[in-house]
Amino acid sequence: MRPIVYLAHPRLDRSEINGPMFRIAQELPGITCVDLYAEYPTFHIDIPHEQARLVTHDAVIFLHPVYWYSCPALMKEWIDLVFEHGFAYGQDGHALDNKVMMQAVTCGAAAQTYHPDGANGAHLRDLLAPFEKSADLCRMRYLAPFTLFSAGKAEEDGRDAVHLGQWRALLTALRDDTLNIPAARKALTLNDIAATLAASPETA
C-alpha cells in the first residue's frame, strides 16, 4: 500500500508523542507525510493539490490529539473542504472508494474513562463515530483507532517507547499490505494488533 500520514497538532513544539510519531513515519520508506499546520498556517488549503495526493495513495492516516472528542480545527477544515461532493462521495464521487482510513490519536484521559461506565460514557471508537461515518459515506475502509491514553504521562511512565515501537510496526504492516484489515476494522482500538505486530520478528 501507499500510505499518507496527515499530522494536525497546533503546538507541535509541546508534543511529546505526536511529534515523535510523525518523525517515525517520515523515516519509513514509501510513506508520504504532511504536517498540516506547517503547510497551511493560514488555513488556506490547496484543495486540488490535496485531492491529487489522495488519489495516488491507498491509505489515509490522520495523526492528531483528541480535542473535545474530535480533531484540531485545521484537520476538520481539511476534511470539510477536501472530501467534497463529486470527489469523495455522491453519485460521481468515487475517488476514495476502497481506500483505508485510520486515526492515530493521543488522549489526555486514562483508558478506563473511555468506557460506557467511565467518565466519558463511551468507547473512544464510538466517540469518533463522525470520522467513521464520513469514511463510510466515502466508501472507504475505516480501521479502529490506534490510541495512546494518558498521553501526558507516557514519557514519565516509560510507555512512550513501547507506543512508538508499535506505531512503527503498524505503519510497516500497513505499507507492506500484511495488516489484517478485517480484524483491524472490527477492533475497538488497534493497540492489541499493533502490540502483536511489534513483537513479531518480521516487523521488529
Protein backbone atom coordinates (compact mmCIF):
# COMPACT_ATOMS: atom_id res chain seq x y z
CA MET A 1 0.00 0.00 0.00
CA ARG A 2 0.93 3.66 -0.34
CA PRO A 3 0.02 5.34 2.97
CA ILE A 4 -0.14 9.09 3.56
CA VAL A 5 0.04 10.46 7.11
CA TYR A 6 -1.61 13.79 7.86
CA LEU A 7 -0.44 15.31 11.14
CA ALA A 8 -2.52 18.02 12.84
CA HIS A 9 -1.05 19.49 16.01
CA PRO A 10 -1.23 23.26 16.59
CA ARG A 11 1.55 23.20 19.22
CA LEU A 12 3.95 20.61 17.89
CA ASP A 13 6.78 22.19 19.91
CA ARG A 14 4.99 20.95 23.05
CA SER A 15 4.16 17.49 21.70
CA GLU A 16 5.79 14.55 23.45
CA ILE A 17 4.14 11.85 21.33
CA ASN A 18 2.64 13.19 18.09
CA GLY A 19 5.95 14.76 17.05
CA PRO A 20 7.98 11.56 17.54
CA MET A 21 5.26 9.54 15.81
CA PHE A 22 5.41 11.86 12.82
CA ARG A 23 9.21 11.62 12.66
CA ILE A 24 8.99 7.81 12.64
CA ALA A 25 6.56 7.99 9.72
CA GLN A 26 8.98 10.32 7.91
CA GLU A 27 11.81 7.82 8.39
CA LEU A 28 9.93 4.90 6.84
CA PRO A 29 10.34 4.49 3.06
CA GLY A 30 7.19 4.54 0.98
CA ILE A 31 5.14 6.72 3.34
CA THR A 32 4.13 10.29 2.48
CA CYS A 33 3.97 12.69 5.44
CA VAL A 34 2.16 16.03 5.64
CA ASP A 35 2.26 18.44 8.59
CA LEU A 36 -0.97 20.36 8.06
CA TYR A 37 -0.20 23.25 10.41
CA ALA A 38 3.22 23.73 8.83
CA GLU A 39 1.83 23.54 5.31
CA TYR A 40 -1.31 25.62 5.85
CA PRO A 41 -0.61 28.07 8.71
CA THR A 42 -3.29 30.45 7.41
CA PHE A 43 -5.86 27.66 6.82
CA HIS A 44 -5.89 28.34 3.05
CA ILE A 45 -5.97 24.73 1.89
CA ASP A 46 -5.00 23.85 -1.67
CA ILE A 47 -7.95 21.58 -2.40
CA PRO A 48 -6.92 20.33 -5.89
CA HIS A 49 -3.42 19.56 -4.56
CA GLU A 50 -4.77 17.60 -1.62
CA GLN A 51 -7.25 15.70 -3.75
CA ALA A 52 -4.45 14.77 -6.15
CA ARG A 53 -2.45 13.47 -3.20
CA LEU A 54 -5.31 11.30 -2.06
CA VAL A 55 -5.82 9.78 -5.50
CA THR A 56 -2.23 8.49 -5.53
CA HIS A 57 -2.37 6.87 -2.08
CA ASP A 58 -4.14 3.80 -0.76
CA ALA A 59 -4.32 4.54 2.97
CA VAL A 60 -5.11 7.85 4.66
CA ILE A 61 -3.91 8.18 8.25
CA PHE A 62 -4.92 11.09 10.47
CA LEU A 63 -2.42 11.65 13.29
CA HIS A 64 -3.68 14.02 15.97
CA PRO A 65 -4.51 14.62 19.61
CA VAL A 66 -8.15 14.23 20.57
CA TYR A 67 -9.64 17.69 21.15
CA TRP A 68 -13.19 17.74 22.53
CA TYR A 69 -13.86 14.23 21.18
CA SER A 70 -12.70 15.33 17.73
CA CYS A 71 -9.59 16.63 15.97
CA PRO A 72 -7.79 20.00 15.86
CA ALA A 73 -9.52 22.71 13.84
CA LEU A 74 -7.32 22.60 10.75
CA MET A 75 -7.85 18.88 10.26
CA LYS A 76 -11.62 19.36 10.45
CA GLU A 77 -11.35 22.20 7.92
CA TRP A 78 -9.22 19.98 5.67
CA ILE A 79 -11.80 17.18 5.76
CA ASP A 80 -14.68 19.61 5.19
CA LEU A 81 -13.06 21.04 2.06
CA VAL A 82 -11.12 18.14 0.55
CA PHE A 83 -13.72 15.39 0.99
CA GLU A 84 -16.15 17.28 -1.21
CA HIS A 85 -19.20 16.09 -3.12
CA GLY A 86 -18.36 14.81 -6.57
CA PHE A 87 -14.87 13.80 -5.44
CA ALA A 88 -15.19 11.80 -2.23
CA TYR A 89 -18.89 10.96 -2.22
CA GLY A 90 -22.07 11.29 -4.24
CA GLN A 91 -23.10 9.63 -7.48
CA ASP A 92 -19.94 10.77 -9.28
CA GLY A 93 -17.61 10.89 -6.26
CA HIS A 94 -15.61 7.69 -6.26
CA ALA A 95 -12.02 8.91 -5.79
CA LEU A 96 -11.70 7.37 -2.32
CA ASP A 97 -13.52 4.08 -2.93
CA ASN A 98 -11.95 1.17 -1.01
CA LYS A 99 -9.07 3.23 0.38
CA VAL A 100 -8.15 2.67 4.02
CA MET A 101 -8.78 5.41 6.57
CA MET A 102 -7.43 5.31 10.09
CA GLN A 103 -6.75 7.61 13.03
CA ALA A 104 -3.69 7.55 15.27
CA VAL A 105 -4.68 9.60 18.28
CA THR A 106 -3.46 10.67 21.69
CA CYS A 107 -5.82 11.20 24.62
CA GLY A 108 -5.14 13.05 27.84
CA ALA A 109 -7.52 10.90 29.89
CA ALA A 110 -6.91 7.35 31.07
CA ALA A 111 -8.16 4.31 29.15
CA GLN A 112 -10.80 3.42 31.75
CA THR A 113 -12.57 6.74 31.21
CA TYR A 114 -13.32 5.71 27.60
CA HIS A 115 -15.86 3.06 28.52
CA PRO A 116 -19.66 3.08 28.82
CA ASP A 117 -19.20 3.02 32.61
CA GLY A 118 -16.34 5.52 32.60
CA ALA A 119 -16.24 9.29 32.84
CA ASN A 120 -16.56 9.76 29.06
CA GLY A 121 -19.52 7.37 28.86
CA ALA A 122 -18.43 5.52 25.71
CA HIS A 123 -15.60 3.74 23.98
CA LEU A 124 -13.26 6.06 22.09
CA ARG A 125 -14.21 4.47 18.78
CA ASP A 126 -17.86 5.31 19.45
CA LEU A 127 -16.95 8.92 20.26
CA LEU A 128 -15.03 9.14 16.98
CA ALA A 129 -18.09 7.90 15.06
CA PRO A 130 -18.31 11.05 12.85
CA PHE A 131 -14.98 10.10 11.29
CA GLU A 132 -16.07 6.50 10.75
CA LYS A 133 -19.39 7.55 9.22
CA SER A 134 -17.56 10.01 6.95
CA ALA A 135 -15.34 7.15 5.79
CA ASP A 136 -18.43 5.01 5.19
CA LEU A 137 -20.03 7.77 3.11
CA CYS A 138 -16.87 7.94 1.01
CA ARG A 139 -16.87 4.13 0.63
CA MET A 140 -13.56 3.87 2.48
CA ARG A 141 -12.49 1.09 4.85
CA TYR A 142 -12.29 2.61 8.32
CA LEU A 143 -9.91 0.96 10.78
CA ALA A 144 -10.11 1.14 14.56
CA PRO A 145 -8.09 4.00 16.08
CA PHE A 146 -4.53 3.44 17.28
CA THR A 147 -4.56 5.16 20.64
CA LEU A 148 -2.32 6.34 23.44
CA PHE A 149 -4.30 7.08 26.60
CA SER A 150 -2.91 9.24 29.42
CA ALA A 151 -0.56 10.64 26.80
CA GLY A 152 0.76 13.40 29.02
CA LYS A 153 2.22 10.81 31.40
CA ALA A 154 3.52 8.37 28.79
CA GLU A 155 7.09 9.64 28.83
CA GLU A 156 7.17 9.71 32.62
CA ASP A 157 5.75 6.18 32.82
CA GLY A 158 8.08 4.83 30.12
CA ARG A 159 5.16 3.91 27.83
CA ASP A 160 6.23 6.23 25.03
CA ALA A 161 8.95 3.95 23.63
CA VAL A 162 6.58 0.97 23.55
CA HIS A 163 3.91 3.00 21.78
CA LEU A 164 6.38 4.33 19.22
CA GLY A 165 7.61 0.81 18.51
CA GLN A 166 4.07 -0.39 17.96
CA TRP A 167 3.37 2.59 15.70
CA ARG A 168 6.38 1.75 13.54
CA ALA A 169 5.27 -1.88 13.27
CA LEU A 170 1.71 -0.85 12.42
CA LEU A 171 2.79 1.55 9.68
CA THR A 172 5.16 -1.04 8.25
CA ALA A 173 2.45 -3.71 8.14
CA LEU A 174 0.01 -1.31 6.51
CA ARG A 175 2.57 -0.24 3.91
CA ASP A 176 3.58 -3.83 3.18
CA ASP A 177 -0.07 -4.93 2.98
CA THR A 178 0.41 -7.51 5.74
CA LEU A 179 -2.04 -5.94 8.20
CA ASN A 180 -5.18 -7.99 8.83
CA ILE A 181 -7.65 -5.41 7.56
CA PRO A 182 -10.86 -7.27 8.54
CA ALA A 183 -9.58 -7.64 12.13
CA ALA A 184 -8.46 -4.01 12.18
CA ARG A 185 -11.92 -2.90 11.09
CA LYS A 186 -13.68 -4.86 13.86
CA ALA A 187 -11.47 -3.93 16.83
CA LEU A 188 -12.22 -1.18 19.36
CA THR A 189 -8.62 0.02 19.01
CA LEU A 190 -5.62 -1.17 17.02
CA ASN A 191 -3.43 -1.35 20.10
CA ASP A 192 -3.54 -5.12 20.64
CA ILE A 193 -2.95 -5.75 16.93
CA ALA A 194 -0.04 -3.29 16.92
CA ALA A 195 1.45 -4.94 20.01
CA THR A 196 1.38 -8.31 18.28
CA LEU A 197 3.00 -6.84 15.18
CA ALA A 198 5.74 -5.18 17.22
CA ALA A 199 6.51 -8.49 18.91
CA SER A 200 6.91 -10.26 15.56
CA PRO A 201 10.49 -10.67 14.28
CA GLU A 202 9.26 -9.80 10.79
CA THR A 203 8.26 -6.27 11.83
CA ALA A 204 10.69 -5.65 14.69
